[in-house]
């Protein structure tokens, strides 16, 4: 996409044996980063983010939801931090697993831009 960002949403589809080990960071082409989610405070292991949409306008945060996490949720840091940036370029999603011994698969992730 070319243009200046006025809104951005992120969709993630992943399976993991213990999502409470996971956090994710999104970095724009300019090098700005936001924390999308950090599930380390979950009381027990849960699994799967199924077409989970991170949207500033969502009604609940991910930690307020239940597994599998489906549909819109607010990110920890605001995606509006990217507003005003150029959408064009390489965007990076990093999903961190802070515990050894379990496994997971990131099936897809995508960005939806509203630009002007």
PDB file of N, CA and C in Angstrom:
ATOM      1  N   UNK A   1       0.831  -1.190   0.000  1.00  0.00           N
ATOM      2  CA  UNK A   1       0.000   0.000   0.000  1.00  0.00           C
ATOM      3  C   UNK A   1       0.872   1.248   0.000  1.00  0.00           C
ATOM      4  N   UNK A   2       0.479   2.208  -0.768  1.00  0.00           N
ATOM      5  CA  UNK A   2       1.097   3.524  -0.731  1.00  0.00           C
ATOM      6  C   UNK A   2       0.114   4.481  -0.087  1.00  0.00           C
ATOM      7  N   UNK A   3       0.635   5.463   0.610  1.00  0.00           N
ATOM      8  CA  UNK A   3      -0.209   6.475   1.216  1.00  0.00           C
ATOM      9  C   UNK A   3       0.106   6.651   2.677  1.00  0.00           C
ATOM     10  N   UNK A   4      -0.467   7.702   3.237  1.00  0.00           N
ATOM     11  CA  UNK A   4      -0.257   8.021   4.640  1.00  0.00           C
ATOM     12  C   UNK A   4      -1.320   7.309   5.476  1.00  0.00           C
ATOM     13  N   UNK A   5      -0.885   6.632   6.518  1.00  0.00           N
ATOM     14  CA  UNK A   5      -1.779   5.820   7.343  1.00  0.00           C
ATOM     15  C   UNK A   5      -2.686   6.715   8.193  1.00  0.00           C
ATOM     16  N   UNK A   6      -4.002   6.412   8.132  1.00  0.00           N
ATOM     17  CA  UNK A   6      -4.941   7.037   9.062  1.00  0.00           C
ATOM     18  C   UNK A   6      -5.540   5.992  10.003  1.00  0.00           C
ATOM     19  N   UNK A   7      -5.412   4.703   9.652  1.00  0.00           N
ATOM     20  CA  UNK A   7      -5.851   3.616  10.527  1.00  0.00           C
ATOM     21  C   UNK A   7      -5.169   2.339  10.065  1.00  0.00           C
ATOM     22  N   UNK A   8      -4.875   1.461  11.006  1.00  0.00           N
ATOM     23  CA  UNK A   8      -4.257   0.176  10.687  1.00  0.00           C
ATOM     24  C   UNK A   8      -4.802  -0.877  11.640  1.00  0.00           C
ATOM     25  N   UNK A   9      -5.087  -2.053  11.103  1.00  0.00           N
ATOM     26  CA  UNK A   9      -5.500  -3.208  11.887  1.00  0.00           C
ATOM     27  C   UNK A   9      -4.597  -4.379  11.527  1.00  0.00           C
ATOM     28  N   UNK A  10      -4.394  -5.286  12.469  1.00  0.00           N
ATOM     29  CA  UNK A  10      -3.521  -6.446  12.278  1.00  0.00           C
ATOM     30  C   UNK A  10      -4.334  -7.699  12.573  1.00  0.00           C
ATOM     31  N   UNK A  11      -4.262  -8.681  11.677  1.00  0.00           N
ATOM     32  CA  UNK A  11      -4.928  -9.962  11.887  1.00  0.00           C
ATOM     33  C   UNK A  11      -3.872 -11.050  12.024  1.00  0.00           C
ATOM     34  N   UNK A  12      -4.023 -11.899  13.042  1.00  0.00           N
ATOM     35  CA  UNK A  12      -3.062 -12.978  13.311  1.00  0.00           C
ATOM     36  C   UNK A  12      -3.833 -14.284  13.487  1.00  0.00           C
ATOM     37  N   UNK A  13      -3.293 -15.335  12.876  1.00  0.00           N
ATOM     38  CA  UNK A  13      -3.839 -16.679  13.045  1.00  0.00           C
ATOM     39  C   UNK A  13      -2.687 -17.585  13.448  1.00  0.00           C
ATOM     40  N   UNK A  14      -2.701 -18.058  14.701  1.00  0.00           N
ATOM     41  CA  UNK A  14      -1.640 -18.948  15.168  1.00  0.00           C
ATOM     42  C   UNK A  14      -2.178 -19.963  16.158  1.00  0.00           C
ATOM     43  N   UNK A  15      -1.492 -21.092  16.213  1.00  0.00           N
ATOM     44  CA  UNK A  15      -1.753 -22.126  17.216  1.00  0.00           C
ATOM     45  C   UNK A  15      -0.513 -22.255  18.076  1.00  0.00           C
ATOM     46  N   UNK A  16      -0.720 -22.503  19.367  1.00  0.00           N
ATOM     47  CA  UNK A  16       0.412 -22.675  20.284  1.00  0.00           C
ATOM     48  C   UNK A  16      -0.044 -23.522  21.462  1.00  0.00           C
ATOM     49  N   UNK A  17       0.843 -24.334  21.976  1.00  0.00           N
ATOM     50  CA  UNK A  17       0.479 -25.212  23.090  1.00  0.00           C
ATOM     51  C   UNK A  17       0.283 -24.451  24.391  1.00  0.00           C
ATOM     52  N   UNK A  18       0.843 -23.241  24.496  1.00  0.00           N
ATOM     53  CA  UNK A  18       0.681 -22.448  25.720  1.00  0.00           C
ATOM     54  C   UNK A  18       0.846 -20.965  25.373  1.00  0.00           C
ATOM     55  N   UNK A  19      -0.247 -20.332  24.961  1.00  0.00           N
ATOM     56  CA  UNK A  19      -0.156 -18.943  24.517  1.00  0.00           C
ATOM     57  C   UNK A  19       0.270 -17.979  25.608  1.00  0.00           C
ATOM     58  N   UNK A  20       0.186 -18.372  26.892  1.00  0.00           N
ATOM     59  CA  UNK A  20       0.616 -17.446  27.953  1.00  0.00           C
ATOM     60  C   UNK A  20       2.121 -17.184  27.880  1.00  0.00           C
ATOM     61  N   UNK A  21       2.839 -17.943  27.066  1.00  0.00           N
ATOM     62  CA  UNK A  21       4.274 -17.722  26.850  1.00  0.00           C
ATOM     63  C   UNK A  21       4.550 -16.677  25.769  1.00  0.00           C
ATOM     64  N   UNK A  22       3.504 -16.189  25.114  1.00  0.00           N
ATOM     65  CA  UNK A  22       3.691 -15.388  23.907  1.00  0.00           C
ATOM     66  C   UNK A  22       3.477 -13.891  24.111  1.00  0.00           C
ATOM     67  N   UNK A  23       4.247 -13.142  23.335  1.00  0.00           N
ATOM     68  CA  UNK A  23       4.022 -11.708  23.152  1.00  0.00           C
ATOM     69  C   UNK A  23       4.338 -11.407  21.695  1.00  0.00           C
ATOM     70  N   UNK A  24       3.844 -10.285  21.202  1.00  0.00           N
ATOM     71  CA  UNK A  24       4.084  -9.929  19.804  1.00  0.00           C
ATOM     72  C   UNK A  24       4.292  -8.432  19.664  1.00  0.00           C
ATOM     73  N   UNK A  25       5.251  -8.087  18.813  1.00  0.00           N
ATOM     74  CA  UNK A  25       5.595  -6.704  18.524  1.00  0.00           C
ATOM     75  C   UNK A  25       5.496  -6.463  17.026  1.00  0.00           C
ATOM     76  N   UNK A  26       4.921  -5.327  16.640  1.00  0.00           N
ATOM     77  CA  UNK A  26       4.834  -4.928  15.240  1.00  0.00           C
ATOM     78  C   UNK A  26       5.738  -3.722  15.038  1.00  0.00           C
ATOM     79  N   UNK A  27       6.576  -3.788  13.991  1.00  0.00           N
ATOM     80  CA  UNK A  27       7.501  -2.695  13.684  1.00  0.00           C
ATOM     81  C   UNK A  27       7.231  -2.209  12.268  1.00  0.00           C
ATOM     82  N   UNK A  28       7.140  -0.887  12.124  1.00  0.00           N
ATOM     83  CA  UNK A  28       6.870  -0.254  10.827  1.00  0.00           C
ATOM     84  C   UNK A  28       8.166  -0.068  10.049  1.00  0.00           C
ATOM     85  N   UNK A  29       8.053   0.299   8.779  1.00  0.00           N
ATOM     86  CA  UNK A  29       9.258   0.561   7.981  1.00  0.00           C
ATOM     87  C   UNK A  29      10.137   1.678   8.554  1.00  0.00           C
ATOM     88  N   UNK A  30       9.544   2.592   9.330  1.00  0.00           N
ATOM     89  CA  UNK A  30      10.328   3.688   9.913  1.00  0.00           C
ATOM     90  C   UNK A  30      11.111   3.239  11.141  1.00  0.00           C
ATOM     91  N   UNK A  31      10.805   2.024  11.659  1.00  0.00           N
ATOM     92  CA  UNK A  31      11.463   1.527  12.861  1.00  0.00           C
ATOM     93  C   UNK A  31      10.647   1.710  14.126  1.00  0.00           C
ATOM     94  N   UNK A  32       9.478   2.339  14.024  1.00  0.00           N
ATOM     95  CA  UNK A  32       8.599   2.489  15.190  1.00  0.00           C
ATOM     96  C   UNK A  32       7.988   1.139  15.526  1.00  0.00           C
ATOM     97  N   UNK A  33       7.874   0.836  16.821  1.00  0.00           N
ATOM     98  CA  UNK A  33       7.338  -0.450  17.254  1.00  0.00           C
ATOM     99  C   UNK A  33       6.242  -0.269  18.286  1.00  0.00           C
ATOM    100  N   UNK A  34       5.291  -1.207  18.276  1.00  0.00           N
ATOM    101  CA  UNK A  34       4.277  -1.268  19.325  1.00  0.00           C
ATOM    102  C   UNK A  34       4.140  -2.713  19.791  1.00  0.00           C
ATOM    103  N   UNK A  35       3.736  -2.875  21.043  1.00  0.00           N
ATOM    104  CA  UNK A  35       3.444  -4.191  21.596  1.00  0.00           C
ATOM    105  C   UNK A  35       1.982  -4.494  21.310  1.00  0.00           C
ATOM    106  N   UNK A  36       1.749  -5.522  20.487  1.00  0.00           N
ATOM    107  CA  UNK A  36       0.375  -5.922  20.170  1.00  0.00           C
ATOM    108  C   UNK A  36      -0.264  -6.662  21.329  1.00  0.00           C
ATOM    109  N   UNK A  37       0.447  -7.667  21.852  1.00  0.00           N
ATOM    110  CA  UNK A  37      -0.088  -8.422  22.978  1.00  0.00           C
ATOM    111  C   UNK A  37       1.031  -9.043  23.787  1.00  0.00           C
ATOM    112  N   UNK A  38       0.714  -9.313  25.055  1.00  0.00           N
ATOM    113  CA  UNK A  38       1.594 -10.023  25.978  1.00  0.00           C
ATOM    114  C   UNK A  38       0.676 -10.835  26.883  1.00  0.00           C
ATOM    115  N   UNK A  39       0.695 -12.146  26.702  1.00  0.00           N
ATOM    116  CA  UNK A  39      -0.227 -13.012  27.423  1.00  0.00           C
ATOM    117  C   UNK A  39       0.387 -13.627  28.677  1.00  0.00           C
ATOM    118  N   UNK A  40       1.532 -13.103  29.116  1.00  0.00           N
ATOM    119  CA  UNK A  40       2.244 -13.693  30.257  1.00  0.00           C
ATOM    120  C   UNK A  40       1.451 -13.643  31.564  1.00  0.00           C
ATOM    121  N   UNK A  41       0.483 -12.758  31.666  1.00  0.00           N
ATOM    122  CA  UNK A  41      -0.295 -12.687  32.904  1.00  0.00           C
ATOM    123  C   UNK A  41      -1.498 -13.633  32.918  1.00  0.00           C
ATOM    124  N   UNK A  42      -1.674 -14.403  31.853  1.00  0.00           N
ATOM    125  CA  UNK A  42      -2.763 -15.386  31.837  1.00  0.00           C
ATOM    126  C   UNK A  42      -2.520 -16.392  32.961  1.00  0.00           C
ATOM    127  N   UNK A  43      -3.565 -16.807  33.685  1.00  0.00           N
ATOM    128  CA  UNK A  43      -3.366 -17.728  34.813  1.00  0.00           C
ATOM    129  C   UNK A  43      -3.009 -19.149  34.373  1.00  0.00           C
ATOM    130  N   UNK A  44      -3.447 -19.549  33.195  1.00  0.00           N
ATOM    131  CA  UNK A  44      -3.163 -20.901  32.696  1.00  0.00           C
ATOM    132  C   UNK A  44      -2.860 -20.833  31.213  1.00  0.00           C
ATOM    133  N   UNK A  45      -2.279 -21.904  30.701  1.00  0.00           N
ATOM    134  CA  UNK A  45      -2.049 -21.987  29.261  1.00  0.00           C
ATOM    135  C   UNK A  45      -3.391 -22.033  28.546  1.00  0.00           C
ATOM    136  N   UNK A  46      -3.454 -21.332  27.464  1.00  0.00           N
ATOM    137  CA  UNK A  46      -4.612 -21.396  26.585  1.00  0.00           C
ATOM    138  C   UNK A  46      -4.045 -21.633  25.198  1.00  0.00           C
ATOM    139  N   UNK A  47      -4.870 -21.660  24.222  1.00  0.00           N
ATOM    140  CA  UNK A  47      -4.327 -21.919  22.897  1.00  0.00           C
ATOM    141  C   UNK A  47      -5.080 -21.151  21.835  1.00  0.00           C
ATOM    142  N   UNK A  48      -4.349 -20.789  20.844  1.00  0.00           N
ATOM    143  CA  UNK A  48      -4.857 -20.322  19.570  1.00  0.00           C
ATOM    144  C   UNK A  48      -5.372 -18.880  19.538  1.00  0.00           C
ATOM    145  N   UNK A  49      -4.876 -18.177  18.567  1.00  0.00           N
ATOM    146  CA  UNK A  49      -5.428 -16.916  18.130  1.00  0.00           C
ATOM    147  C   UNK A  49      -5.969 -17.217  16.741  1.00  0.00           C
ATOM    148  N   UNK A  50      -7.281 -17.249  16.605  1.00  0.00           N
ATOM    149  CA  UNK A  50      -7.913 -17.637  15.352  1.00  0.00           C
ATOM    150  C   UNK A  50      -8.507 -16.411  14.671  1.00  0.00           C
ATOM    151  N   UNK A  51      -7.818 -15.957  13.625  1.00  0.00           N
ATOM    152  CA  UNK A  51      -8.248 -14.748  12.926  1.00  0.00           C
ATOM    153  C   UNK A  51      -8.507 -13.630  13.927  1.00  0.00           C
ATOM    154  N   UNK A  52      -7.563 -13.460  14.848  1.00  0.00           N
ATOM    155  CA  UNK A  52      -7.645 -12.422  15.868  1.00  0.00           C
ATOM    156  C   UNK A  52      -7.262 -11.096  15.243  1.00  0.00           C
ATOM    157  N   UNK A  53      -8.125 -10.122  15.370  1.00  0.00           N
ATOM    158  CA  UNK A  53      -7.922  -8.803  14.765  1.00  0.00           C
ATOM    159  C   UNK A  53      -7.556  -7.826  15.866  1.00  0.00           C
ATOM    160  N   UNK A  54      -6.414  -7.173  15.711  1.00  0.00           N
ATOM    161  CA  UNK A  54      -6.017  -6.126  16.646  1.00  0.00           C
ATOM    162  C   UNK A  54      -6.426  -4.796  16.039  1.00  0.00           C
ATOM    163  N   UNK A  55      -7.326  -4.102  16.749  1.00  0.00           N
ATOM    164  CA  UNK A  55      -7.976  -2.903  16.250  1.00  0.00           C
ATOM    165  C   UNK A  55      -8.171  -1.948  17.425  1.00  0.00           C
ATOM    166  N   UNK A  56      -7.675  -0.727  17.292  1.00  0.00           N
ATOM    167  CA  UNK A  56      -7.824   0.261  18.369  1.00  0.00           C
ATOM    168  C   UNK A  56      -9.280   0.487  18.758  1.00  0.00           C
ATOM    169  N   UNK A  57     -10.198   0.281  17.821  1.00  0.00           N
ATOM    170  CA  UNK A  57     -11.610   0.546  18.084  1.00  0.00           C
ATOM    171  C   UNK A  57     -12.350  -0.675  18.640  1.00  0.00           C
ATOM    172  N   UNK A  58     -11.660  -1.773  18.893  1.00  0.00           N
ATOM    173  CA  UNK A  58     -12.299  -2.988  19.412  1.00  0.00           C
ATOM    174  C   UNK A  58     -12.859  -2.743  20.815  1.00  0.00           C
ATOM    175  N   UNK A  59     -13.810  -3.566  21.209  1.00  0.00           N
ATOM    176  CA  UNK A  59     -14.478  -3.392  22.491  1.00  0.00           C
ATOM    177  C   UNK A  59     -13.745  -3.957  23.688  1.00  0.00           C
ATOM    178  N   UNK A  60     -12.815  -4.912  23.485  1.00  0.00           N
ATOM    179  CA  UNK A  60     -12.138  -5.513  24.629  1.00  0.00           C
ATOM    180  C   UNK A  60     -10.679  -5.802  24.313  1.00  0.00           C
ATOM    181  N   UNK A  61      -9.899  -5.863  25.381  1.00  0.00           N
ATOM    182  CA  UNK A  61      -8.500  -6.250  25.244  1.00  0.00           C
ATOM    183  C   UNK A  61      -8.419  -7.769  25.161  1.00  0.00           C
ATOM    184  N   UNK A  62      -7.315  -8.275  24.637  1.00  0.00           N
ATOM    185  CA  UNK A  62      -7.136  -9.711  24.481  1.00  0.00           C
ATOM    186  C   UNK A  62      -7.253 -10.444  25.808  1.00  0.00           C
ATOM    187  N   UNK A  63      -6.683  -9.883  26.874  1.00  0.00           N
ATOM    188  CA  UNK A  63      -6.719 -10.537  28.182  1.00  0.00           C
ATOM    189  C   UNK A  63      -8.123 -10.604  28.768  1.00  0.00           C
ATOM    190  N   UNK A  64      -9.048  -9.830  28.237  1.00  0.00           N
ATOM    191  CA  UNK A  64     -10.442  -9.881  28.688  1.00  0.00           C
ATOM    192  C   UNK A  64     -11.228 -10.960  27.955  1.00  0.00           C
ATOM    193  N   UNK A  65     -10.645 -11.492  26.890  1.00  0.00           N
ATOM    194  CA  UNK A  65     -11.313 -12.517  26.099  1.00  0.00           C
ATOM    195  C   UNK A  65     -11.000 -13.905  26.615  1.00  0.00           C
ATOM    196  N   UNK A  66     -11.402 -14.894  25.853  1.00  0.00           N
ATOM    197  CA  UNK A  66     -11.121 -16.277  26.216  1.00  0.00           C
ATOM    198  C   UNK A  66     -10.637 -17.033  24.991  1.00  0.00           C
ATOM    199  N   UNK A  67      -9.952 -18.117  25.249  1.00  0.00           N
ATOM    200  CA  UNK A  67      -9.366 -18.922  24.196  1.00  0.00           C
ATOM    201  C   UNK A  67     -10.425 -19.836  23.591  1.00  0.00           C
ATOM    202  N   UNK A  68     -10.441 -20.023  22.298  1.00  0.00           N
ATOM    203  CA  UNK A  68      -9.527 -19.378  21.358  1.00  0.00           C
ATOM    204  C   UNK A  68      -9.919 -17.914  21.166  1.00  0.00           C
ATOM    205  N   UNK A  69      -8.915 -17.073  21.012  1.00  0.00           N
ATOM    206  CA  UNK A  69      -9.141 -15.638  20.837  1.00  0.00           C
ATOM    207  C   UNK A  69      -9.545 -15.396  19.381  1.00  0.00           C
ATOM    208  N   UNK A  70     -10.792 -14.999  19.180  1.00  0.00           N
ATOM    209  CA  UNK A  70     -11.348 -14.817  17.843  1.00  0.00           C
ATOM    210  C   UNK A  70     -11.905 -13.411  17.727  1.00  0.00           C
ATOM    211  N   UNK A  71     -11.724 -12.799  16.561  1.00  0.00           N
ATOM    212  CA  UNK A  71     -12.335 -11.513  16.293  1.00  0.00           C
ATOM    213  C   UNK A  71     -11.533 -10.342  16.830  1.00  0.00           C
ATOM    214  N   UNK A  72     -12.184  -9.163  16.914  1.00  0.00           N
ATOM    215  CA  UNK A  72     -11.475  -7.936  17.261  1.00  0.00           C
ATOM    216  C   UNK A  72     -11.123  -7.803  18.742  1.00  0.00           C
ATOM    217  N   UNK A  73      -9.901  -7.336  18.991  1.00  0.00           N
ATOM    218  CA  UNK A  73      -9.394  -7.043  20.334  1.00  0.00           C
ATOM    219  C   UNK A  73      -8.477  -5.827  20.247  1.00  0.00           C
ATOM    220  N   UNK A  74      -8.428  -5.055  21.330  1.00  0.00           N
ATOM    221  CA  UNK A  74      -7.519  -3.911  21.385  1.00  0.00           C
ATOM    222  C   UNK A  74      -6.094  -4.404  21.595  1.00  0.00           C
ATOM    223  N   UNK A  75      -5.134  -3.795  20.923  1.00  0.00           N
ATOM    224  CA  UNK A  75      -3.732  -4.110  21.219  1.00  0.00           C
ATOM    225  C   UNK A  75      -3.313  -3.439  22.528  1.00  0.00           C
ATOM    226  N   UNK A  76      -2.187  -3.870  23.088  1.00  0.00           N
ATOM    227  CA  UNK A  76      -1.682  -3.232  24.308  1.00  0.00           C
ATOM    228  C   UNK A  76      -1.290  -1.789  24.017  1.00  0.00           C
ATOM    229  N   UNK A  77      -0.418  -1.588  23.045  1.00  0.00           N
ATOM    230  CA  UNK A  77      -0.063  -0.237  22.603  1.00  0.00           C
ATOM    231  C   UNK A  77      -0.976   0.138  21.446  1.00  0.00           C
ATOM    232  N   UNK A  78      -1.244   1.403  21.304  1.00  0.00           N
ATOM    233  CA  UNK A  78      -2.171   1.859  20.282  1.00  0.00           C
ATOM    234  C   UNK A  78      -1.563   1.774  18.883  1.00  0.00           C
ATOM    235  N   UNK A  79      -2.325   1.182  17.967  1.00  0.00           N
ATOM    236  CA  UNK A  79      -1.912   1.152  16.559  1.00  0.00           C
ATOM    237  C   UNK A  79      -1.912   2.556  15.952  1.00  0.00           C
ATOM    238  N   UNK A  80      -2.629   3.482  16.587  1.00  0.00           N
ATOM    239  CA  UNK A  80      -2.645   4.860  16.083  1.00  0.00           C
ATOM    240  C   UNK A  80      -1.270   5.517  16.184  1.00  0.00           C
ATOM    241  N   UNK A  81      -0.330   4.880  16.908  1.00  0.00           N
ATOM    242  CA  UNK A  81       1.043   5.386  16.920  1.00  0.00           C
ATOM    243  C   UNK A  81       1.656   5.379  15.528  1.00  0.00           C
ATOM    244  N   UNK A  82       1.082   4.571  14.621  1.00  0.00           N
ATOM    245  CA  UNK A  82       1.569   4.523  13.244  1.00  0.00           C
ATOM    246  C   UNK A  82       0.868   5.525  12.333  1.00  0.00           C
ATOM    247  N   UNK A  83      -0.200   6.181  12.822  1.00  0.00           N
ATOM    248  CA  UNK A  83      -0.914   7.161  12.002  1.00  0.00           C
ATOM    249  C   UNK A  83       0.046   8.266  11.559  1.00  0.00           C
ATOM    250  N   UNK A  84      -0.067   8.640  10.301  1.00  0.00           N
ATOM    251  CA  UNK A  84       0.799   9.677   9.746  1.00  0.00           C
ATOM    252  C   UNK A  84       2.037   9.111   9.064  1.00  0.00           C
ATOM    253  N   UNK A  85       2.343   7.832   9.297  1.00  0.00           N
ATOM    254  CA  UNK A  85       3.470   7.197   8.611  1.00  0.00           C
ATOM    255  C   UNK A  85       3.055   6.755   7.212  1.00  0.00           C
ATOM    256  N   UNK A  86       4.041   6.567   6.350  1.00  0.00           N
ATOM    257  CA  UNK A  86       3.811   5.993   5.034  1.00  0.00           C
ATOM    258  C   UNK A  86       3.608   4.492   5.201  1.00  0.00           C
ATOM    259  N   UNK A  87       2.568   3.948   4.586  1.00  0.00           N
ATOM    260  CA  UNK A  87       2.266   2.521   4.703  1.00  0.00           C
ATOM    261  C   UNK A  87       3.248   1.656   3.923  1.00  0.00           C
ATOM    262  N   UNK A  88       3.887   2.240   2.925  1.00  0.00           N
ATOM    263  CA  UNK A  88       4.759   1.458   2.049  1.00  0.00           C
ATOM    264  C   UNK A  88       6.045   1.033   2.770  1.00  0.00           C
ATOM    265  N   UNK A  89       6.465  -0.202   2.519  1.00  0.00           N
ATOM    266  CA  UNK A  89       7.727  -0.685   3.058  1.00  0.00           C
ATOM    267  C   UNK A  89       7.569  -2.002   3.784  1.00  0.00           C
ATOM    268  N   UNK A  90       8.639  -2.419   4.429  1.00  0.00           N
ATOM    269  CA  UNK A  90       8.666  -3.707   5.103  1.00  0.00           C
ATOM    270  C   UNK A  90       8.205  -3.572   6.546  1.00  0.00           C
ATOM    271  N   UNK A  91       7.113  -4.244   6.854  1.00  0.00           N
ATOM    272  CA  UNK A  91       6.569  -4.321   8.206  1.00  0.00           C
ATOM    273  C   UNK A  91       7.003  -5.644   8.811  1.00  0.00           C
ATOM    274  N   UNK A  92       7.331  -5.648  10.103  1.00  0.00           N
ATOM    275  CA  UNK A  92       7.835  -6.850  10.750  1.00  0.00           C
ATOM    276  C   UNK A  92       6.984  -7.184  11.970  1.00  0.00           C
ATOM    277  N   UNK A  93       6.560  -8.439  12.033  1.00  0.00           N
ATOM    278  CA  UNK A  93       5.867  -8.958  13.204  1.00  0.00           C
ATOM    279  C   UNK A  93       6.798  -9.944  13.875  1.00  0.00           C
ATOM    280  N   UNK A  94       7.073  -9.728  15.169  1.00  0.00           N
ATOM    281  CA  UNK A  94       7.892 -10.656  15.939  1.00  0.00           C
ATOM    282  C   UNK A  94       7.015 -11.238  17.046  1.00  0.00           C
ATOM    283  N   UNK A  95       6.887 -12.564  17.035  1.00  0.00           N
ATOM    284  CA  UNK A  95       6.165 -13.268  18.093  1.00  0.00           C
ATOM    285  C   UNK A  95       7.213 -13.962  18.941  1.00  0.00           C
ATOM    286  N   UNK A  96       7.269 -13.600  20.215  1.00  0.00           N
ATOM    287  CA  UNK A  96       8.242 -14.173  21.148  1.00  0.00           C
ATOM    288  C   UNK A  96       7.576 -15.226  22.013  1.00  0.00           C
ATOM    289  N   UNK A  97       8.281 -16.354  22.188  1.00  0.00           N
ATOM    290  CA  UNK A  97       7.872 -17.418  23.104  1.00  0.00           C
ATOM    291  C   UNK A  97       8.929 -17.449  24.192  1.00  0.00           C
ATOM    292  N   UNK A  98       8.555 -17.069  25.418  1.00  0.00           N
ATOM    293  CA  UNK A  98       9.559 -16.917  26.475  1.00  0.00           C
ATOM    294  C   UNK A  98       9.817 -18.187  27.283  1.00  0.00           C
ATOM    295  N   UNK A  99       9.260 -19.328  26.852  1.00  0.00           N
ATOM    296  CA  UNK A  99       9.447 -20.581  27.585  1.00  0.00           C
ATOM    297  C   UNK A  99       9.783 -21.709  26.607  1.00  0.00           C
ATOM    298  N   UNK A 100      10.783 -22.501  26.948  1.00  0.00           N
ATOM    299  CA  UNK A 100      11.135 -23.636  26.098  1.00  0.00           C
ATOM    300  C   UNK A 100      10.221 -24.818  26.389  1.00  0.00           C
ATOM    301  N   UNK A 101      10.158 -25.734  25.436  1.00  0.00           N
ATOM    302  CA  UNK A 101       9.452 -26.973  25.673  1.00  0.00           C
ATOM    303  C   UNK A 101       8.060 -27.069  25.087  1.00  0.00           C
ATOM    304  N   UNK A 102       7.575 -26.024  24.450  1.00  0.00           N
ATOM    305  CA  UNK A 102       6.292 -26.125  23.784  1.00  0.00           C
ATOM    306  C   UNK A 102       6.444 -25.638  22.356  1.00  0.00           C
ATOM    307  N   UNK A 103       5.387 -25.705  21.587  1.00  0.00           N
ATOM    308  CA  UNK A 103       5.531 -25.365  20.175  1.00  0.00           C
ATOM    309  C   UNK A 103       4.284 -24.668  19.662  1.00  0.00           C
ATOM    310  N   UNK A 104       4.458 -24.064  18.501  1.00  0.00           N
ATOM    311  CA  UNK A 104       3.344 -23.380  17.878  1.00  0.00           C
ATOM    312  C   UNK A 104       3.624 -23.097  16.420  1.00  0.00           C
ATOM    313  N   UNK A 105       2.594 -22.636  15.736  1.00  0.00           N
ATOM    314  CA  UNK A 105       2.702 -22.311  14.323  1.00  0.00           C
ATOM    315  C   UNK A 105       1.996 -20.997  14.059  1.00  0.00           C
ATOM    316  N   UNK A 106       2.688 -20.071  13.416  1.00  0.00           N
ATOM    317  CA  UNK A 106       2.074 -18.844  12.918  1.00  0.00           C
ATOM    318  C   UNK A 106       1.622 -19.151  11.497  1.00  0.00           C
ATOM    319  N   UNK A 107       0.309 -19.245  11.304  1.00  0.00           N
ATOM    320  CA  UNK A 107      -0.212 -19.598   9.982  1.00  0.00           C
ATOM    321  C   UNK A 107      -0.245 -18.399   9.057  1.00  0.00           C
ATOM    322  N   UNK A 108      -0.840 -17.311   9.510  1.00  0.00           N
ATOM    323  CA  UNK A 108      -0.920 -16.104   8.682  1.00  0.00           C
ATOM    324  C   UNK A 108      -0.933 -14.877   9.574  1.00  0.00           C
ATOM    325  N   UNK A 109      -0.532 -13.777   8.983  1.00  0.00           N
ATOM    326  CA  UNK A 109      -0.736 -12.478   9.586  1.00  0.00           C
ATOM    327  C   UNK A 109      -0.877 -11.484   8.448  1.00  0.00           C
ATOM    328  N   UNK A 110      -1.666 -10.435   8.689  1.00  0.00           N
ATOM    329  CA  UNK A 110      -1.896  -9.460   7.639  1.00  0.00           C
ATOM    330  C   UNK A 110      -2.140  -8.085   8.247  1.00  0.00           C
ATOM    331  N   UNK A 111      -1.964  -7.082   7.419  1.00  0.00           N
ATOM    332  CA  UNK A 111      -2.191  -5.695   7.806  1.00  0.00           C
ATOM    333  C   UNK A 111      -3.302  -5.130   6.929  1.00  0.00           C
ATOM    334  N   UNK A 112      -4.181  -4.365   7.540  1.00  0.00           N
ATOM    335  CA  UNK A 112      -5.227  -3.655   6.809  1.00  0.00           C
ATOM    336  C   UNK A 112      -5.022  -2.170   7.060  1.00  0.00           C
ATOM    337  N   UNK A 113      -4.773  -1.427   5.994  1.00  0.00           N
ATOM    338  CA  UNK A 113      -4.498   0.004   6.105  1.00  0.00           C
ATOM    339  C   UNK A 113      -5.678   0.819   5.593  1.00  0.00           C
ATOM    340  N   UNK A 114      -5.957   1.922   6.262  1.00  0.00           N
ATOM    341  CA  UNK A 114      -6.760   2.998   5.697  1.00  0.00           C
ATOM    342  C   UNK A 114      -5.767   4.126   5.471  1.00  0.00           C
ATOM    343  N   UNK A 115      -5.660   4.573   4.211  1.00  0.00           N
ATOM    344  CA  UNK A 115      -4.669   5.588   3.872  1.00  0.00           C
ATOM    345  C   UNK A 115      -5.356   6.778   3.210  1.00  0.00           C
ATOM    346  N   UNK A 116      -4.659   7.889   3.219  1.00  0.00           N
ATOM    347  CA  UNK A 116      -5.138   9.075   2.502  1.00  0.00           C
ATOM    348  C   UNK A 116      -4.025   9.634   1.673  1.00  0.00           C
TER     349      UNK A 116
END
